[in-house]
Amino acid sequence: MASSEWEIPPELQPDPTEHEFDLDLALRSIVGVKALVPPDAFTAQSLGTERAGSGVVIRPDGLIATIGYLVTEAETIWLTTHDGRAIPGHALAYDFETGFGLIQALGRLELPALPVESGPAPKPGDVCVLASAGGRKHALRCTVAARQEFAGYWEYMLEEALFTAPAHPSWGGAGLIGGDGRLLGIGSLVMQQQDGKGRRVDLNMVVPASLLPPVLDDLLSFGRPNRPARPWLGLYAAEDEEGVVVSSMARGGPAQKAGLHEGDRLVAVGGTRVSDLTGLWRAVWACGHAGTKVRLTINRQAVPRELVLASIDRRSFLKAPRLH
């Protein structure tokens, strides 16, 4: 969506008088991010070769925090400022565990940096602003609806994700700004949930910004956390009423190579029974580091089987960022 084509309805935009900080100045810290990915990249088929979203300036030298899927395998990145300037950027890092991506601006941004929240986590009921690039007309007054664990189908889990409502229409890399003007999180997903009356409610899942400071130095130095990678299976799984089922697999990944099929039911990892995604990923990661063998018990058409998968480091499937 081009920025001129949509805006948050005025009644849902934040009111500057509600905040003790300069809202419009803080919103200048949110930049547009456009990433171009080569067609032969591993993620090109699932995430596309042109990705657009937002990022948040977190240091005066032009360091930007965003959501990692926007910039993974990106060859070219363009940043757009509130006053219409286009500045090239470089993908520095993508942390698979938190989901954060980092971009370094390759020109002078001359924009304010938002301080990253490192204190107490926001509480349900707290009023915040979720903002994508483009100033107040792309900023949404929202509330923290929940703080709870989140598991994604792509071998991803957060112990405590933030969920905000109403949902922002341009959530990828959007900045969640707290009442004191600090960065509380980075927008990742939109999700549907039922409220108490059975109505569908759209929420945004936001990665808490407090997860960034503990890994920031590693990401800047190594492009990743400085510890062994988690085992990756190339497995996409979903929950249903009966437990966990294989929905698809990464082409050429460990799950496909081991003979897993779509529709297989995942019963146990090692000796640990699994009934949901959080339990599945915890059990896989408890097997050791990338390279470890992971034993899965599955049901295929109600017949139990065991498969042994040779896990790998997910990064070995990805194109590394080009150095400029």
C-alpha atoms as a PDB file:
ATOM      1  CA  MET A   1       0.000   0.000   0.000  1.00  0.00           C
ATOM      2  CA  ALA A   2       1.412   3.390  -0.890  1.00  0.00           C
ATOM      3  CA  SER A   3       1.346   5.770   2.049  1.00  0.00           C
ATOM      4  CA  SER A   4      -1.060   8.097   0.228  1.00  0.00           C
ATOM      5  CA  GLU A   5      -3.708   5.393  -0.188  1.00  0.00           C
ATOM      6  CA  TRP A   6      -4.740   4.827   3.409  1.00  0.00           C
ATOM      7  CA  GLU A   7      -4.727   6.367   6.823  1.00  0.00           C
ATOM      8  CA  ILE A   8      -5.914   5.466  10.301  1.00  0.00           C
ATOM      9  CA  PRO A   9      -9.367   7.026  10.898  1.00  0.00           C
ATOM     10  CA  PRO A  10      -8.888  10.285  12.840  1.00  0.00           C
ATOM     11  CA  GLU A  11     -10.874   9.012  15.824  1.00  0.00           C
ATOM     12  CA  LEU A  12      -8.445   6.075  16.196  1.00  0.00           C
ATOM     13  CA  GLN A  13      -5.271   8.157  15.882  1.00  0.00           C
ATOM     14  CA  PRO A  14      -3.415   9.028  19.102  1.00  0.00           C
ATOM     15  CA  ASP A  15      -4.142  12.334  20.820  1.00  0.00           C
ATOM     16  CA  PRO A  16      -0.875  14.224  21.474  1.00  0.00           C
ATOM     17  CA  THR A  17      -2.390  15.816  24.610  1.00  0.00           C
ATOM     18  CA  GLU A  18      -2.700  12.336  26.175  1.00  0.00           C
ATOM     19  CA  HIS A  19       1.084  11.921  26.279  1.00  0.00           C
ATOM     20  CA  GLU A  20       3.832  13.513  28.339  1.00  0.00           C
ATOM     21  CA  PHE A  21       6.281  13.265  25.427  1.00  0.00           C
ATOM     22  CA  ASP A  22       6.360  14.972  22.024  1.00  0.00           C
ATOM     23  CA  LEU A  23       4.319  12.457  19.985  1.00  0.00           C
ATOM     24  CA  ASP A  24       5.073  13.911  16.553  1.00  0.00           C
ATOM     25  CA  LEU A  25       8.822  13.981  17.310  1.00  0.00           C
ATOM     26  CA  ALA A  26       8.697  10.347  18.466  1.00  0.00           C
ATOM     27  CA  LEU A  27       6.852   9.340  15.283  1.00  0.00           C
ATOM     28  CA  ARG A  28       9.743  10.687  13.201  1.00  0.00           C
ATOM     29  CA  SER A  29      11.800   7.784  14.592  1.00  0.00           C
ATOM     30  CA  ILE A  30       9.619   5.375  12.564  1.00  0.00           C
ATOM     31  CA  VAL A  31      10.930   4.908   9.025  1.00  0.00           C
ATOM     32  CA  GLY A  32       9.595   3.033   6.010  1.00  0.00           C
ATOM     33  CA  VAL A  33      11.519  -0.104   5.064  1.00  0.00           C
ATOM     34  CA  LYS A  34      11.539  -1.611   1.573  1.00  0.00           C
ATOM     35  CA  ALA A  35      13.617  -4.744   1.050  1.00  0.00           C
ATOM     36  CA  LEU A  36      14.451  -6.478  -2.236  1.00  0.00           C
ATOM     37  CA  VAL A  37      15.306 -10.176  -2.051  1.00  0.00           C
ATOM     38  CA  PRO A  38      16.773 -12.294  -4.888  1.00  0.00           C
ATOM     39  CA  PRO A  39      14.301 -14.725  -6.501  1.00  0.00           C
ATOM     40  CA  ASP A  40      16.492 -17.738  -5.623  1.00  0.00           C
ATOM     41  CA  ALA A  41      16.518 -16.885  -1.893  1.00  0.00           C
ATOM     42  CA  PHE A  42      15.108 -19.584   0.401  1.00  0.00           C
ATOM     43  CA  THR A  43      12.451 -17.218   1.791  1.00  0.00           C
ATOM     44  CA  ALA A  44      11.486 -15.693  -1.583  1.00  0.00           C
ATOM     45  CA  GLN A  45       8.628 -18.144  -2.165  1.00  0.00           C
ATOM     46  CA  SER A  46       7.039 -17.746   1.280  1.00  0.00           C
ATOM     47  CA  LEU A  47       7.760 -14.063   2.009  1.00  0.00           C
ATOM     48  CA  GLY A  48       8.132 -12.597  -1.492  1.00  0.00           C
ATOM     49  CA  THR A  49      10.980 -10.777  -3.194  1.00  0.00           C
ATOM     50  CA  GLU A  50       9.673  -7.273  -2.401  1.00  0.00           C
ATOM     51  CA  ARG A  51       8.852  -6.640   1.256  1.00  0.00           C
ATOM     52  CA  ALA A  52       7.628  -3.415   2.789  1.00  0.00           C
ATOM     53  CA  GLY A  53       7.061  -2.373   6.374  1.00  0.00           C
ATOM     54  CA  SER A  54       8.534  -0.118   9.018  1.00  0.00           C
ATOM     55  CA  GLY A  55      11.512   0.139  11.359  1.00  0.00           C
ATOM     56  CA  VAL A  56      12.394   2.189  14.431  1.00  0.00           C
ATOM     57  CA  VAL A  57      15.556   4.285  14.858  1.00  0.00           C
ATOM     58  CA  ILE A  58      17.063   3.186  18.191  1.00  0.00           C
ATOM     59  CA  ARG A  59      20.454   4.946  18.010  1.00  0.00           C
ATOM     60  CA  PRO A  60      21.461   8.357  16.668  1.00  0.00           C
ATOM     61  CA  ASP A  61      23.971   6.686  14.299  1.00  0.00           C
ATOM     62  CA  GLY A  62      21.096   5.249  12.231  1.00  0.00           C
ATOM     63  CA  LEU A  63      20.685   1.801  13.801  1.00  0.00           C
ATOM     64  CA  ILE A  64      17.132   0.578  13.150  1.00  0.00           C
ATOM     65  CA  ALA A  65      15.170  -2.220  14.803  1.00  0.00           C
ATOM     66  CA  THR A  66      12.550  -3.984  12.693  1.00  0.00           C
ATOM     67  CA  ILE A  67      10.931  -7.388  12.382  1.00  0.00           C
ATOM     68  CA  GLY A  68      13.358  -9.890  10.933  1.00  0.00           C
ATOM     69  CA  TYR A  69      11.210 -11.362   8.160  1.00  0.00           C
ATOM     70  CA  LEU A  70      11.272  -8.013   6.335  1.00  0.00           C
ATOM     71  CA  VAL A  71      15.055  -8.094   5.895  1.00  0.00           C
ATOM     72  CA  THR A  72      16.087 -11.754   5.909  1.00  0.00           C
ATOM     73  CA  GLU A  73      18.128 -12.471   2.740  1.00  0.00           C
ATOM     74  CA  ALA A  74      17.623  -8.867   1.557  1.00  0.00           C
ATOM     75  CA  GLU A  75      20.148  -7.692  -1.054  1.00  0.00           C
ATOM     76  CA  THR A  76      18.883  -4.103  -1.210  1.00  0.00           C
ATOM     77  CA  ILE A  77      17.148  -2.035   1.475  1.00  0.00           C
ATOM     78  CA  TRP A  78      15.687   1.453   1.158  1.00  0.00           C
ATOM     79  CA  LEU A  79      14.595   3.547   4.146  1.00  0.00           C
ATOM     80  CA  THR A  80      12.051   6.352   3.824  1.00  0.00           C
ATOM     81  CA  THR A  81      11.940   9.175   6.360  1.00  0.00           C
ATOM     82  CA  HIS A  82       8.956  11.245   7.510  1.00  0.00           C
ATOM     83  CA  ASP A  83      10.058  14.092   5.207  1.00  0.00           C
ATOM     84  CA  GLY A  84      10.283  11.873   2.116  1.00  0.00           C
ATOM     85  CA  ARG A  85      14.017  11.222   1.950  1.00  0.00           C
ATOM     86  CA  ALA A  86      15.113   7.792   0.638  1.00  0.00           C
ATOM     87  CA  ILE A  87      18.311   6.427   2.208  1.00  0.00           C
ATOM     88  CA  PRO A  88      19.949   3.038   1.545  1.00  0.00           C
ATOM     89  CA  GLY A  89      20.287   0.588   4.391  1.00  0.00           C
ATOM     90  CA  HIS A  90      22.098  -2.673   5.103  1.00  0.00           C
ATOM     91  CA  ALA A  91      20.682  -5.716   6.899  1.00  0.00           C
ATOM     92  CA  LEU A  92      22.972  -6.309   9.860  1.00  0.00           C
ATOM     93  CA  ALA A  93      21.273  -9.150  11.697  1.00  0.00           C
ATOM     94  CA  TYR A  94      18.232 -11.369  12.110  1.00  0.00           C
ATOM     95  CA  ASP A  95      17.737 -13.091  15.461  1.00  0.00           C
ATOM     96  CA  PHE A  96      15.555 -16.178  14.923  1.00  0.00           C
ATOM     97  CA  GLU A  97      14.894 -16.570  18.638  1.00  0.00           C
ATOM     98  CA  THR A  98      13.373 -13.127  19.272  1.00  0.00           C
ATOM     99  CA  GLY A  99      12.376 -12.321  15.682  1.00  0.00           C
ATOM    100  CA  PHE A 100      14.161  -8.948  15.604  1.00  0.00           C
ATOM    101  CA  GLY A 101      16.015  -7.664  12.561  1.00  0.00           C
ATOM    102  CA  LEU A 102      18.586  -4.868  12.580  1.00  0.00           C
ATOM    103  CA  ILE A 103      19.301  -2.422   9.750  1.00  0.00           C
ATOM    104  CA  GLN A 104      22.107   0.121   9.542  1.00  0.00           C
ATOM    105  CA  ALA A 105      21.326   3.257   7.553  1.00  0.00           C
ATOM    106  CA  LEU A 106      24.103   3.895   5.015  1.00  0.00           C
ATOM    107  CA  GLY A 107      23.484   7.645   4.914  1.00  0.00           C
ATOM    108  CA  ARG A 108      22.728  10.359   7.467  1.00  0.00           C
ATOM    109  CA  LEU A 109      19.202   9.884   8.811  1.00  0.00           C
ATOM    110  CA  GLU A 110      19.349  12.846  11.211  1.00  0.00           C
ATOM    111  CA  LEU A 111      16.314  11.487  13.060  1.00  0.00           C
ATOM    112  CA  PRO A 112      15.595  11.140  16.784  1.00  0.00           C
ATOM    113  CA  ALA A 113      16.214   7.720  18.341  1.00  0.00           C
ATOM    114  CA  LEU A 114      13.556   6.112  20.530  1.00  0.00           C
ATOM    115  CA  PRO A 115      14.870   4.792  23.859  1.00  0.00           C
ATOM    116  CA  VAL A 116      14.295   1.031  24.177  1.00  0.00           C
ATOM    117  CA  GLU A 117      12.239  -0.104  27.166  1.00  0.00           C
ATOM    118  CA  SER A 118      14.313  -2.198  29.552  1.00  0.00           C
ATOM    119  CA  GLY A 119      12.229  -1.818  32.708  1.00  0.00           C
ATOM    120  CA  PRO A 120       8.934  -3.440  33.753  1.00  0.00           C
ATOM    121  CA  ALA A 121       6.915  -4.960  30.918  1.00  0.00           C
ATOM    122  CA  PRO A 122       3.710  -3.180  29.897  1.00  0.00           C
ATOM    123  CA  LYS A 123       0.558  -4.495  31.539  1.00  0.00           C
ATOM    124  CA  PRO A 124      -2.809  -5.392  30.000  1.00  0.00           C
ATOM    125  CA  GLY A 125      -4.878  -2.224  29.872  1.00  0.00           C
ATOM    126  CA  ASP A 126      -1.910   0.090  29.252  1.00  0.00           C
ATOM    127  CA  VAL A 127      -2.606   2.622  26.492  1.00  0.00           C
ATOM    128  CA  CYS A 128       0.068   2.747  23.777  1.00  0.00           C
ATOM    129  CA  VAL A 129       0.642   3.932  20.216  1.00  0.00           C
ATOM    130  CA  LEU A 130       1.387   1.415  17.437  1.00  0.00           C
ATOM    131  CA  ALA A 131       2.893   3.380  14.572  1.00  0.00           C
ATOM    132  CA  SER A 132       4.046   2.520  11.079  1.00  0.00           C
ATOM    133  CA  ALA A 133       6.029   4.984   8.966  1.00  0.00           C
ATOM    134  CA  GLY A 134       4.161   8.117   7.902  1.00  0.00           C
ATOM    135  CA  GLY A 135       3.433  10.143  11.016  1.00  0.00           C
ATOM    136  CA  ARG A 136       0.218  10.505  12.982  1.00  0.00           C
ATOM    137  CA  LYS A 137      -2.082   9.408  10.142  1.00  0.00           C
ATOM    138  CA  HIS A 138      -0.368   5.985  10.284  1.00  0.00           C
ATOM    139  CA  ALA A 139      -0.378   5.792  14.088  1.00  0.00           C
ATOM    140  CA  LEU A 140      -3.015   3.924  16.079  1.00  0.00           C
ATOM    141  CA  ARG A 141      -4.072   4.476  19.675  1.00  0.00           C
ATOM    142  CA  CYS A 142      -4.259   0.967  21.113  1.00  0.00           C
ATOM    143  CA  THR A 143      -4.337  -0.988  24.350  1.00  0.00           C
ATOM    144  CA  VAL A 144      -2.237  -3.890  25.563  1.00  0.00           C
ATOM    145  CA  ALA A 145      -4.830  -6.686  25.479  1.00  0.00           C
ATOM    146  CA  ALA A 146      -2.633  -9.497  26.811  1.00  0.00           C
ATOM    147  CA  ARG A 147       0.901 -10.550  27.689  1.00  0.00           C
ATOM    148  CA  GLN A 148       1.327 -14.281  27.183  1.00  0.00           C
ATOM    149  CA  GLU A 149       3.343 -16.975  25.423  1.00  0.00           C
ATOM    150  CA  PHE A 150       3.120 -17.263  21.658  1.00  0.00           C
ATOM    151  CA  ALA A 151       4.133 -20.129  19.394  1.00  0.00           C
ATOM    152  CA  GLY A 152       4.429 -19.750  15.622  1.00  0.00           C
ATOM    153  CA  TYR A 153       4.121 -22.551  13.084  1.00  0.00           C
ATOM    154  CA  TRP A 154       7.643 -21.799  11.747  1.00  0.00           C
ATOM    155  CA  GLU A 155       9.636 -23.124  14.766  1.00  0.00           C
ATOM    156  CA  TYR A 156       9.298 -19.915  16.788  1.00  0.00           C
ATOM    157  CA  MET A 157       8.173 -19.186  20.315  1.00  0.00           C
ATOM    158  CA  LEU A 158       8.149 -16.272  22.755  1.00  0.00           C
ATOM    159  CA  GLU A 159       7.660 -16.841  26.480  1.00  0.00           C
ATOM    160  CA  GLU A 160       5.844 -13.515  26.761  1.00  0.00           C
ATOM    161  CA  ALA A 161       4.572 -11.759  23.642  1.00  0.00           C
ATOM    162  CA  LEU A 162       2.503  -8.568  23.700  1.00  0.00           C
ATOM    163  CA  PHE A 163      -0.939  -8.487  22.078  1.00  0.00           C
ATOM    164  CA  THR A 164      -2.535  -5.145  21.243  1.00  0.00           C
ATOM    165  CA  ALA A 165      -5.998  -4.099  20.070  1.00  0.00           C
ATOM    166  CA  PRO A 166      -7.421  -2.773  17.846  1.00  0.00           C
ATOM    167  CA  ALA A 167      -5.174  -4.189  15.107  1.00  0.00           C
ATOM    168  CA  HIS A 168      -2.978  -1.944  12.959  1.00  0.00           C
ATOM    169  CA  PRO A 169      -3.382  -2.487   9.175  1.00  0.00           C
ATOM    170  CA  SER A 170       0.374  -2.109   8.541  1.00  0.00           C
ATOM    171  CA  TRP A 171       1.913  -4.014  11.445  1.00  0.00           C
ATOM    172  CA  GLY A 172       5.203  -5.369  10.073  1.00  0.00           C
ATOM    173  CA  GLY A 173       8.045  -3.602  11.894  1.00  0.00           C
ATOM    174  CA  ALA A 174       5.693  -0.993  13.410  1.00  0.00           C
ATOM    175  CA  GLY A 175       6.862   0.571  16.675  1.00  0.00           C
ATOM    176  CA  LEU A 176       4.835   0.183  19.884  1.00  0.00           C
ATOM    177  CA  ILE A 177       5.415   3.358  21.878  1.00  0.00           C
ATOM    178  CA  GLY A 178       4.536   3.515  25.581  1.00  0.00           C
ATOM    179  CA  GLY A 179       3.095   6.377  27.587  1.00  0.00           C
ATOM    180  CA  ASP A 180       6.593   7.645  28.450  1.00  0.00           C
ATOM    181  CA  GLY A 181       7.778   7.701  24.822  1.00  0.00           C
ATOM    182  CA  ARG A 182       9.850   4.530  25.037  1.00  0.00           C
ATOM    183  CA  LEU A 183       9.850   1.720  22.478  1.00  0.00           C
ATOM    184  CA  LEU A 184       7.853  -1.152  23.969  1.00  0.00           C
ATOM    185  CA  GLY A 185       7.952  -3.535  21.013  1.00  0.00           C
ATOM    186  CA  ILE A 186       8.057  -4.239  17.281  1.00  0.00           C
ATOM    187  CA  GLY A 187       4.956  -5.353  15.365  1.00  0.00           C
ATOM    188  CA  SER A 188       5.086  -8.893  13.987  1.00  0.00           C
ATOM    189  CA  LEU A 189       1.665 -10.342  13.115  1.00  0.00           C
ATOM    190  CA  VAL A 190      -2.061  -9.840  12.966  1.00  0.00           C
ATOM    191  CA  MET A 191      -4.200 -12.567  14.553  1.00  0.00           C
ATOM    192  CA  GLN A 192      -7.870 -13.323  15.071  1.00  0.00           C
ATOM    193  CA  GLN A 193      -9.260 -14.314  18.442  1.00  0.00           C
ATOM    194  CA  GLN A 194     -12.732 -14.788  19.864  1.00  0.00           C
ATOM    195  CA  ASP A 195     -13.865 -12.413  22.579  1.00  0.00           C
ATOM    196  CA  GLY A 196     -16.091 -13.469  25.488  1.00  0.00           C
ATOM    197  CA  LYS A 197     -19.193 -13.064  23.312  1.00  0.00           C
ATOM    198  CA  GLY A 198     -17.912 -15.211  20.452  1.00  0.00           C
ATOM    199  CA  ARG A 199     -17.109 -12.264  18.192  1.00  0.00           C
ATOM    200  CA  ARG A 200     -13.906 -12.207  16.134  1.00  0.00           C
ATOM    201  CA  VAL A 201     -11.371  -9.654  17.358  1.00  0.00           C
ATOM    202  CA  ASP A 202      -8.222  -8.724  15.431  1.00  0.00           C
ATOM    203  CA  LEU A 203      -5.053  -8.319  17.514  1.00  0.00           C
ATOM    204  CA  ASN A 204      -1.451  -7.509  16.716  1.00  0.00           C
ATOM    205  CA  MET A 205       1.307  -9.696  18.139  1.00  0.00           C
ATOM    206  CA  VAL A 206       4.216  -7.480  19.142  1.00  0.00           C
ATOM    207  CA  VAL A 207       7.730  -8.665  20.074  1.00  0.00           C
ATOM    208  CA  PRO A 208       8.690  -6.994  23.389  1.00  0.00           C
ATOM    209  CA  ALA A 209      11.525  -4.476  22.972  1.00  0.00           C
ATOM    210  CA  SER A 210      12.985  -5.572  26.328  1.00  0.00           C
ATOM    211  CA  LEU A 211      14.256  -8.727  24.551  1.00  0.00           C
ATOM    212  CA  LEU A 212      16.609  -6.634  22.397  1.00  0.00           C
ATOM    213  CA  PRO A 213      19.176  -5.109  24.848  1.00  0.00           C
ATOM    214  CA  PRO A 214      20.445  -8.533  26.106  1.00  0.00           C
ATOM    215  CA  VAL A 215      21.323  -9.662  22.543  1.00  0.00           C
ATOM    216  CA  LEU A 216      22.094  -6.313  20.874  1.00  0.00           C
ATOM    217  CA  ASP A 217      25.888  -6.400  21.269  1.00  0.00           C
ATOM    218  CA  ASP A 218      26.023  -9.959  19.880  1.00  0.00           C
ATOM    219  CA  LEU A 219      23.812  -9.036  16.928  1.00  0.00           C
ATOM    220  CA  LEU A 220      26.033  -6.060  16.110  1.00  0.00           C
ATOM    221  CA  SER A 221      29.255  -8.073  16.453  1.00  0.00           C
ATOM    222  CA  PHE A 222      28.264 -11.437  14.960  1.00  0.00           C
ATOM    223  CA  GLY A 223      24.916 -10.881  13.208  1.00  0.00           C
ATOM    224  CA  ARG A 224      23.373 -13.428  15.601  1.00  0.00           C
ATOM    225  CA  PRO A 225      23.393 -14.342  19.312  1.00  0.00           C
ATOM    226  CA  ASN A 226      26.855 -15.607  20.309  1.00  0.00           C
ATOM    227  CA  ARG A 227      25.750 -19.107  21.308  1.00  0.00           C
ATOM    228  CA  PRO A 228      25.068 -22.389  19.498  1.00  0.00           C
ATOM    229  CA  ALA A 229      22.032 -22.306  17.220  1.00  0.00           C
ATOM    230  CA  ARG A 230      18.870 -24.156  18.092  1.00  0.00           C
ATOM    231  CA  PRO A 231      18.107 -27.326  16.128  1.00  0.00           C
ATOM    232  CA  TRP A 232      15.929 -26.587  13.091  1.00  0.00           C
ATOM    233  CA  LEU A 233      13.768 -29.210  11.399  1.00  0.00           C
ATOM    234  CA  GLY A 234      12.260 -27.305   8.462  1.00  0.00           C
ATOM    235  CA  LEU A 235       8.861 -28.229   9.851  1.00  0.00           C
ATOM    236  CA  TYR A 236       5.671 -26.153   9.700  1.00  0.00           C
ATOM    237  CA  ALA A 237       3.090 -27.391  12.200  1.00  0.00           C
ATOM    238  CA  ALA A 238      -0.410 -26.409  13.265  1.00  0.00           C
ATOM    239  CA  GLU A 239      -2.667 -27.069  16.232  1.00  0.00           C
ATOM    240  CA  ASP A 240      -6.142 -28.552  15.986  1.00  0.00           C
ATOM    241  CA  GLU A 241      -8.581 -30.180  18.427  1.00  0.00           C
ATOM    242  CA  GLU A 242      -6.581 -33.413  18.459  1.00  0.00           C
ATOM    243  CA  GLY A 243      -3.100 -31.947  18.956  1.00  0.00           C
ATOM    244  CA  VAL A 244      -0.330 -31.026  16.529  1.00  0.00           C
ATOM    245  CA  VAL A 245      -0.251 -31.863  12.834  1.00  0.00           C
ATOM    246  CA  VAL A 246       2.352 -31.323  10.076  1.00  0.00           C
ATOM    247  CA  SER A 247       1.030 -28.629   7.724  1.00  0.00           C
ATOM    248  CA  SER A 248       4.040 -28.445   5.365  1.00  0.00           C
ATOM    249  CA  MET A 249       7.825 -28.679   5.233  1.00  0.00           C
ATOM    250  CA  ALA A 250      10.757 -26.634   3.974  1.00  0.00           C
ATOM    251  CA  ARG A 251      11.926 -27.943   0.621  1.00  0.00           C
ATOM    252  CA  GLY A 252      15.104 -29.967   1.176  1.00  0.00           C
ATOM    253  CA  GLY A 253      14.946 -29.486   4.949  1.00  0.00           C
ATOM    254  CA  PRO A 254      15.502 -32.169   7.609  1.00  0.00           C
ATOM    255  CA  ALA A 255      11.772 -32.980   7.986  1.00  0.00           C
ATOM    256  CA  GLN A 256      11.305 -33.581   4.263  1.00  0.00           C
ATOM    257  CA  LYS A 257      14.535 -35.577   3.997  1.00  0.00           C
ATOM    258  CA  ALA A 258      13.475 -37.832   6.881  1.00  0.00           C
ATOM    259  CA  GLY A 259      10.217 -38.724   5.115  1.00  0.00           C
ATOM    260  CA  LEU A 260       7.710 -36.722   7.141  1.00  0.00           C
ATOM    261  CA  HIS A 261       4.392 -36.155   5.308  1.00  0.00           C
ATOM    262  CA  GLU A 262       1.794 -33.393   5.431  1.00  0.00           C
ATOM    263  CA  GLY A 263      -1.001 -34.547   7.712  1.00  0.00           C
ATOM    264  CA  ASP A 264       1.259 -36.614   9.983  1.00  0.00           C
ATOM    265  CA  ARG A 265       0.314 -36.183  13.646  1.00  0.00           C
ATOM    266  CA  LEU A 266       3.184 -35.286  15.962  1.00  0.00           C
ATOM    267  CA  VAL A 267       2.835 -37.315  19.150  1.00  0.00           C
ATOM    268  CA  ALA A 268       6.203 -37.081  20.919  1.00  0.00           C
ATOM    269  CA  VAL A 269       9.736 -35.686  20.656  1.00  0.00           C
ATOM    270  CA  GLY A 270      12.223 -38.110  22.198  1.00  0.00           C
ATOM    271  CA  GLY A 271      10.186 -39.432  25.090  1.00  0.00           C
ATOM    272  CA  THR A 272       8.246 -36.215  25.627  1.00  0.00           C
ATOM    273  CA  ARG A 273       4.617 -36.216  24.532  1.00  0.00           C
ATOM    274  CA  VAL A 274       3.489 -33.034  22.790  1.00  0.00           C
ATOM    275  CA  SER A 275      -0.045 -31.648  22.494  1.00  0.00           C
ATOM    276  CA  ASP A 276       0.530 -28.070  21.320  1.00  0.00           C
ATOM    277  CA  LEU A 277       3.062 -25.935  19.450  1.00  0.00           C
ATOM    278  CA  THR A 278       4.736 -24.538  22.563  1.00  0.00           C
ATOM    279  CA  GLY A 279       5.313 -28.058  23.844  1.00  0.00           C
ATOM    280  CA  LEU A 280       6.592 -29.197  20.433  1.00  0.00           C
ATOM    281  CA  TRP A 281       9.190 -26.456  20.020  1.00  0.00           C
ATOM    282  CA  ARG A 282      10.341 -26.658  23.648  1.00  0.00           C
ATOM    283  CA  ALA A 283      10.868 -30.409  23.280  1.00  0.00           C
ATOM    284  CA  VAL A 284      12.792 -30.010  19.992  1.00  0.00           C
ATOM    285  CA  TRP A 285      15.079 -27.315  21.426  1.00  0.00           C
ATOM    286  CA  ALA A 286      15.665 -29.400  24.565  1.00  0.00           C
ATOM    287  CA  CYS A 287      17.291 -32.088  22.377  1.00  0.00           C
ATOM    288  CA  GLY A 288      20.501 -30.043  22.101  1.00  0.00           C
ATOM    289  CA  HIS A 289      22.067 -27.673  19.573  1.00  0.00           C
ATOM    290  CA  ALA A 290      21.750 -27.545  15.779  1.00  0.00           C
ATOM    291  CA  GLY A 291      23.150 -30.781  14.344  1.00  0.00           C
ATOM    292  CA  THR A 292      21.639 -32.994  17.035  1.00  0.00           C
ATOM    293  CA  LYS A 293      19.393 -35.889  16.015  1.00  0.00           C
ATOM    294  CA  VAL A 294      15.715 -35.410  16.911  1.00  0.00           C
ATOM    295  CA  ARG A 295      13.495 -38.491  17.305  1.00  0.00           C
ATOM    296  CA  LEU A 296       9.835 -37.886  16.442  1.00  0.00           C
ATOM    297  CA  THR A 297       6.942 -40.208  17.204  1.00  0.00           C
ATOM    298  CA  ILE A 298       4.158 -39.633  14.675  1.00  0.00           C
ATOM    299  CA  ASN A 299       0.803 -41.101  13.754  1.00  0.00           C
ATOM    300  CA  ARG A 300       0.244 -41.544  10.021  1.00  0.00           C
ATOM    301  CA  GLN A 301      -3.306 -42.636   9.227  1.00  0.00           C
ATOM    302  CA  ALA A 302      -3.579 -43.796  12.866  1.00  0.00           C
ATOM    303  CA  VAL A 303      -0.439 -45.978  12.572  1.00  0.00           C
ATOM    304  CA  PRO A 304       2.413 -44.992  14.971  1.00  0.00           C
ATOM    305  CA  ARG A 305       5.899 -44.554  13.461  1.00  0.00           C
ATOM    306  CA  GLU A 306       9.261 -43.213  14.581  1.00  0.00           C
ATOM    307  CA  LEU A 307      11.465 -40.977  12.471  1.00  0.00           C
ATOM    308  CA  VAL A 308      14.909 -39.586  13.269  1.00  0.00           C
ATOM    309  CA  LEU A 309      15.636 -36.116  11.867  1.00  0.00           C
ATOM    310  CA  ALA A 310      19.162 -34.707  11.507  1.00  0.00           C
ATOM    311  CA  SER A 311      18.586 -31.114  12.635  1.00  0.00           C
ATOM    312  CA  ILE A 312      20.587 -28.223  11.160  1.00  0.00           C
ATOM    313  CA  ASP A 313      21.248 -24.520  11.740  1.00  0.00           C
ATOM    314  CA  ARG A 314      18.467 -22.634   9.939  1.00  0.00           C
ATOM    315  CA  ARG A 315      21.023 -20.082   8.703  1.00  0.00           C
ATOM    316  CA  SER A 316      22.636 -22.646   6.418  1.00  0.00           C
ATOM    317  CA  PHE A 317      19.513 -22.357   4.213  1.00  0.00           C
ATOM    318  CA  LEU A 318      19.684 -18.561   3.928  1.00  0.00           C
ATOM    319  CA  LYS A 319      21.685 -16.156   1.831  1.00  0.00           C
ATOM    320  CA  ALA A 320      24.004 -14.138   4.066  1.00  0.00           C
ATOM    321  CA  PRO A 321      23.728 -10.331   3.931  1.00  0.00           C
ATOM    322  CA  ARG A 322      26.034  -8.860   1.294  1.00  0.00           C
ATOM    323  CA  LEU A 323      28.748  -6.643   2.745  1.00  0.00           C
ATOM    324  CA  HIS A 324      28.828  -3.170   1.235  1.00  0.00           C
END
